[in-house]
C-alpha atoms as a PDB file:
ATOM      1  CA  MET A   1      -9.495   8.796  22.352  1.00  0.00           C
ATOM      2  CA  LYS A   2     -11.757   7.941  19.752  1.00  0.00           C
ATOM      3  CA  ILE A   3     -12.668  11.213  18.824  1.00  0.00           C
ATOM      4  CA  ILE A   4      -9.107  12.314  18.902  1.00  0.00           C
ATOM      5  CA  ARG A   5      -8.154   9.578  16.731  1.00  0.00           C
ATOM      6  CA  TRP A   6     -11.190  10.435  13.995  1.00  0.00           C
ATOM      7  CA  ILE A   7     -10.191  14.187  13.940  1.00  0.00           C
ATOM      8  CA  LEU A   8      -6.537  13.065  13.427  1.00  0.00           C
ATOM      9  CA  GLY A   9      -7.369  10.688  10.641  1.00  0.00           C
ATOM     10  CA  ARG A  10      -9.403  13.505   8.815  1.00  0.00           C
ATOM     11  CA  VAL A  11      -6.751  16.197   9.696  1.00  0.00           C
ATOM     12  CA  ILE A  12      -4.120  13.382   8.161  1.00  0.00           C
ATOM     13  CA  LEU A  13      -6.332  12.583   4.923  1.00  0.00           C
ATOM     14  CA  VAL A  14      -6.787  16.698   3.859  1.00  0.00           C
ATOM     15  CA  ALA A  15      -3.305  17.362   4.312  1.00  0.00           C
ATOM     16  CA  ASP A  16      -2.803  14.158   1.920  1.00  0.00           C
ATOM     17  CA  ALA A  17      -5.369  15.242  -0.399  1.00  0.00           C
ATOM     18  CA  VAL A  18      -4.178  19.235  -0.542  1.00  0.00           C
ATOM     19  CA  THR A  19       0.102  17.834  -0.940  1.00  0.00           C
ATOM     20  CA  ALA A  20      -0.814  14.787  -3.416  1.00  0.00           C
ATOM     21  CA  PRO A  21       2.469  13.686  -5.194  1.00  0.00           C
ATOM     22  CA  THR A  22       2.339  13.845  -8.764  1.00  0.00           C
ATOM     23  CA  ALA A  23       3.227  10.674 -10.823  1.00  0.00           C
ATOM     24  CA  VAL A  24       6.013  10.065 -12.135  1.00  0.00           C
ATOM     25  CA  LYS A  25       5.826   9.597 -16.373  1.00  0.00           C
ATOM     26  CA  ARG A  26       7.053   6.895 -18.062  1.00  0.00           C
ATOM     27  CA  SER A  27       6.692   5.477 -21.826  1.00  0.00           C
ATOM     28  CA  GLU A  28       3.542   3.475 -22.427  1.00  0.00           C
ATOM     29  CA  ALA A  29       5.871   0.160 -22.440  1.00  0.00           C
ATOM     30  CA  GLU A  30       7.722   1.012 -19.366  1.00  0.00           C
ATOM     31  CA  GLN A  31       4.530   1.723 -17.395  1.00  0.00           C
ATOM     32  CA  LYS A  32       3.286  -1.664 -18.613  1.00  0.00           C
ATOM     33  CA  LYS A  33       5.915  -3.625 -17.217  1.00  0.00           C
ATOM     34  CA  ILE A  34       5.722  -2.124 -14.176  1.00  0.00           C
ATOM     35  CA  ASP A  35       2.247  -2.818 -14.222  1.00  0.00           C
ATOM     36  CA  GLN A  36       2.723  -6.498 -14.883  1.00  0.00           C
ATOM     37  CA  LEU A  37       5.376  -6.401 -12.016  1.00  0.00           C
ATOM     38  CA  THR A  38       2.882  -4.884  -9.235  1.00  0.00           C
ATOM     39  CA  GLN A  39      -0.210  -7.074 -10.760  1.00  0.00           C
ATOM     40  CA  PRO A  40       0.089  -9.849  -7.839  1.00  0.00           C
ATOM     41  CA  MET A  41       0.387  -7.414  -5.071  1.00  0.00           C
ATOM     42  CA  SER A  42      -2.149  -5.841  -2.948  1.00  0.00           C
ATOM     43  CA  LEU A  43      -1.704  -3.540  -0.142  1.00  0.00           C
ATOM     44  CA  TYR A  44      -3.857  -3.987   3.246  1.00  0.00           C
ATOM     45  CA  GLN A  45      -4.308  -0.632   4.953  1.00  0.00           C
ATOM     46  CA  PHE A  46      -6.761   1.481   6.948  1.00  0.00           C
ATOM     47  CA  GLN A  47      -7.540   4.785   5.282  1.00  0.00           C
ATOM     48  CA  ALA A  48      -6.479   7.151   7.946  1.00  0.00           C
ATOM     49  CA  CYS A  49      -3.482   5.512   8.866  1.00  0.00           C
ATOM     50  CA  PRO A  50      -0.455   7.729   8.742  1.00  0.00           C
ATOM     51  CA  PHE A  51       1.946   4.883   7.861  1.00  0.00           C
ATOM     52  CA  CYS A  52      -0.683   3.712   5.349  1.00  0.00           C
ATOM     53  CA  VAL A  53      -0.759   7.160   3.901  1.00  0.00           C
ATOM     54  CA  LYS A  54       3.026   7.327   3.600  1.00  0.00           C
ATOM     55  CA  VAL A  55       2.963   3.790   1.313  1.00  0.00           C
ATOM     56  CA  ARG A  56      -0.197   5.022  -0.721  1.00  0.00           C
ATOM     57  CA  ARG A  57       1.893   8.272  -1.233  1.00  0.00           C
ATOM     58  CA  GLU A  58       4.635   6.379  -2.504  1.00  0.00           C
ATOM     59  CA  LEU A  59       2.479   4.465  -4.597  1.00  0.00           C
ATOM     60  CA  LYS A  60       1.126   7.217  -6.442  1.00  0.00           C
ATOM     61  CA  ARG A  61       4.292   9.055  -6.868  1.00  0.00           C
ATOM     62  CA  ASN A  62       6.065   5.909  -8.447  1.00  0.00           C
ATOM     63  CA  GLY A  63       2.924   5.405 -10.477  1.00  0.00           C
ATOM     64  CA  LEU A  64       2.437   2.005  -9.103  1.00  0.00           C
ATOM     65  CA  LYS A  65      -1.024   0.142  -9.852  1.00  0.00           C
ATOM     66  CA  ILE A  66      -1.345  -2.144  -6.427  1.00  0.00           C
ATOM     67  CA  GLU A  67      -4.881  -2.905  -5.347  1.00  0.00           C
ATOM     68  CA  LEU A  68      -5.814  -1.569  -1.786  1.00  0.00           C
ATOM     69  CA  ARG A  69      -7.814  -3.510   0.507  1.00  0.00           C
ATOM     70  CA  ASP A  70      -9.565  -2.043   3.547  1.00  0.00           C
ATOM     71  CA  ALA A  71      -8.636  -4.076   6.336  1.00  0.00           C
ATOM     72  CA  LYS A  72     -10.778  -2.197   8.846  1.00  0.00           C
ATOM     73  CA  ASN A  73     -14.271  -1.612   7.573  1.00  0.00           C
ATOM     74  CA  ASN A  74     -13.987  -4.838   5.480  1.00  0.00           C
ATOM     75  CA  GLN A  75     -14.208  -7.838   7.738  1.00  0.00           C
ATOM     76  CA  ALA A  76     -13.393 -10.469   4.918  1.00  0.00           C
ATOM     77  CA  VAL A  77     -10.510  -8.793   4.266  1.00  0.00           C
ATOM     78  CA  LYS A  78      -9.668  -8.286   8.048  1.00  0.00           C
ATOM     79  CA  ALA A  79     -10.158 -11.932   8.435  1.00  0.00           C
ATOM     80  CA  GLU A  80      -7.784 -12.577   5.343  1.00  0.00           C
ATOM     81  CA  LEU A  81      -5.035 -10.578   6.551  1.00  0.00           C
ATOM     82  CA  MET A  82      -4.887 -12.259  10.172  1.00  0.00           C
ATOM     83  CA  ARG A  83      -5.433 -15.504   8.987  1.00  0.00           C
ATOM     84  CA  GLU A  84      -3.095 -15.566   5.896  1.00  0.00           C
ATOM     85  CA  GLY A  85      -0.539 -12.566   7.182  1.00  0.00           C
ATOM     86  CA  GLY A  86      -0.516 -13.613  10.790  1.00  0.00           C
ATOM     87  CA  LEU A  87      -1.200  -9.959  12.327  1.00  0.00           C
ATOM     88  CA  HIS A  88      -4.178  -7.719  12.204  1.00  0.00           C
ATOM     89  CA  LYS A  89      -1.275  -4.835  11.499  1.00  0.00           C
ATOM     90  CA  VAL A  90      -1.290  -2.303   8.574  1.00  0.00           C
ATOM     91  CA  PRO A  91       0.248  -1.543   6.230  1.00  0.00           C
ATOM     92  CA  CYS A  92       1.089  -4.888   4.728  1.00  0.00           C
ATOM     93  CA  LEU A  93       1.717  -5.688   1.399  1.00  0.00           C
ATOM     94  CA  ARG A  94       0.900  -9.111  -0.019  1.00  0.00           C
ATOM     95  CA  THR A  95       2.631 -10.439  -3.009  1.00  0.00           C
ATOM     96  CA  ASP A  96       1.151 -13.547  -4.768  1.00  0.00           C
ATOM     97  CA  ASN A  97       3.878 -15.804  -5.704  1.00  0.00           C
ATOM     98  CA  PRO A  98       4.108 -17.866  -9.146  1.00  0.00           C
ATOM     99  CA  ASP A  99       3.977 -21.361  -6.641  1.00  0.00           C
ATOM    100  CA  GLY A 100       0.772 -20.325  -5.156  1.00  0.00           C
ATOM    101  CA  SER A 101       2.204 -19.034  -1.580  1.00  0.00           C
ATOM    102  CA  SER A 102       2.046 -15.581  -0.786  1.00  0.00           C
ATOM    103  CA  THR A 103       4.749 -13.190   0.864  1.00  0.00           C
ATOM    104  CA  TRP A 104       3.528 -10.977   3.539  1.00  0.00           C
ATOM    105  CA  LEU A 105       5.652  -7.617   4.457  1.00  0.00           C
ATOM    106  CA  TYR A 106       4.806  -5.230   7.338  1.00  0.00           C
ATOM    107  CA  GLU A 107       5.903  -1.786   8.232  1.00  0.00           C
ATOM    108  CA  SER A 108       5.760   1.170   5.945  1.00  0.00           C
ATOM    109  CA  ASN A 109       9.471   1.748   5.481  1.00  0.00           C
ATOM    110  CA  ASP A 110      10.120  -2.297   4.557  1.00  0.00           C
ATOM    111  CA  ILE A 111       7.596  -2.216   1.966  1.00  0.00           C
ATOM    112  CA  ILE A 112       8.588   1.329   0.155  1.00  0.00           C
ATOM    113  CA  VAL A 113      12.111  -0.144   0.276  1.00  0.00           C
ATOM    114  CA  HIS A 114      11.092  -3.797  -0.913  1.00  0.00           C
ATOM    115  CA  LEU A 115       8.969  -1.822  -3.965  1.00  0.00           C
ATOM    116  CA  ASN A 116      12.054   0.278  -4.901  1.00  0.00           C
ATOM    117  CA  GLU A 117      14.504  -2.491  -5.100  1.00  0.00           C
ATOM    118  CA  ARG A 118      12.124  -4.912  -6.451  1.00  0.00           C
ATOM    119  CA  LEU A 119      10.763  -2.752  -9.540  1.00  0.00           C
ATOM    120  CA  GLY A 120      13.936  -1.030  -9.936  1.00  0.00           C
ATOM    121  CA  LEU A 121      12.779   2.680  -8.763  1.00  0.00           C
ATOM    122  CA  SER A 122      14.742   5.206  -7.475  1.00  0.00           C
ATOM    123  CA  ALA A 123      14.430   5.874  -3.759  1.00  0.00           C
END
């Protein structure tokens, strides 16, 4: 089963690379505003997870610069996700709030909807 998962993961990554979306074009001022809004965000993900690929494609399509954290191969990141987010489940969007707390959002569709609404992007 592990071999099948590895093969399927590589197929997903190749398909993603071949069909990568083009980033939206914005003025420098608009992009700077978006970058400021996404600065406190990070995405906990696995490289070959199809749901993570889906979110990363949306990030690329919308020109969003959100830190990617590897929750599979980086044990410190995995521990942080489990300790602070509560689950070892990806994708997970972490947003650091001004009051020092963090908001953790799971599920690819929920993450995409949240980003579109918060950043005023078209779906």
